[in-house]
C-alpha cells in the first residue's frame, strides 16, 4: 500500500501540482522525525496557492 502515491494521484486528479521539496524525515538523521524517535520537536509544512 503506497499512501503517498495515492495521495499524490488524488491531488493531481484535482488539478494540484505536486513538488517534492526535500528528503525523507525518517531516513535523514539530520531531520526531526517523530516516526524515528518519539521525542517531540518542531516540524513545519508549507502549502500555498498562486493564481
Foldseek 3Di string as FASTA:
>chain_A
DDVVVVVVVVCVVVVDDDDDDDDDQCPDPVHDDCVNPVDDDDDDDDDDDDD
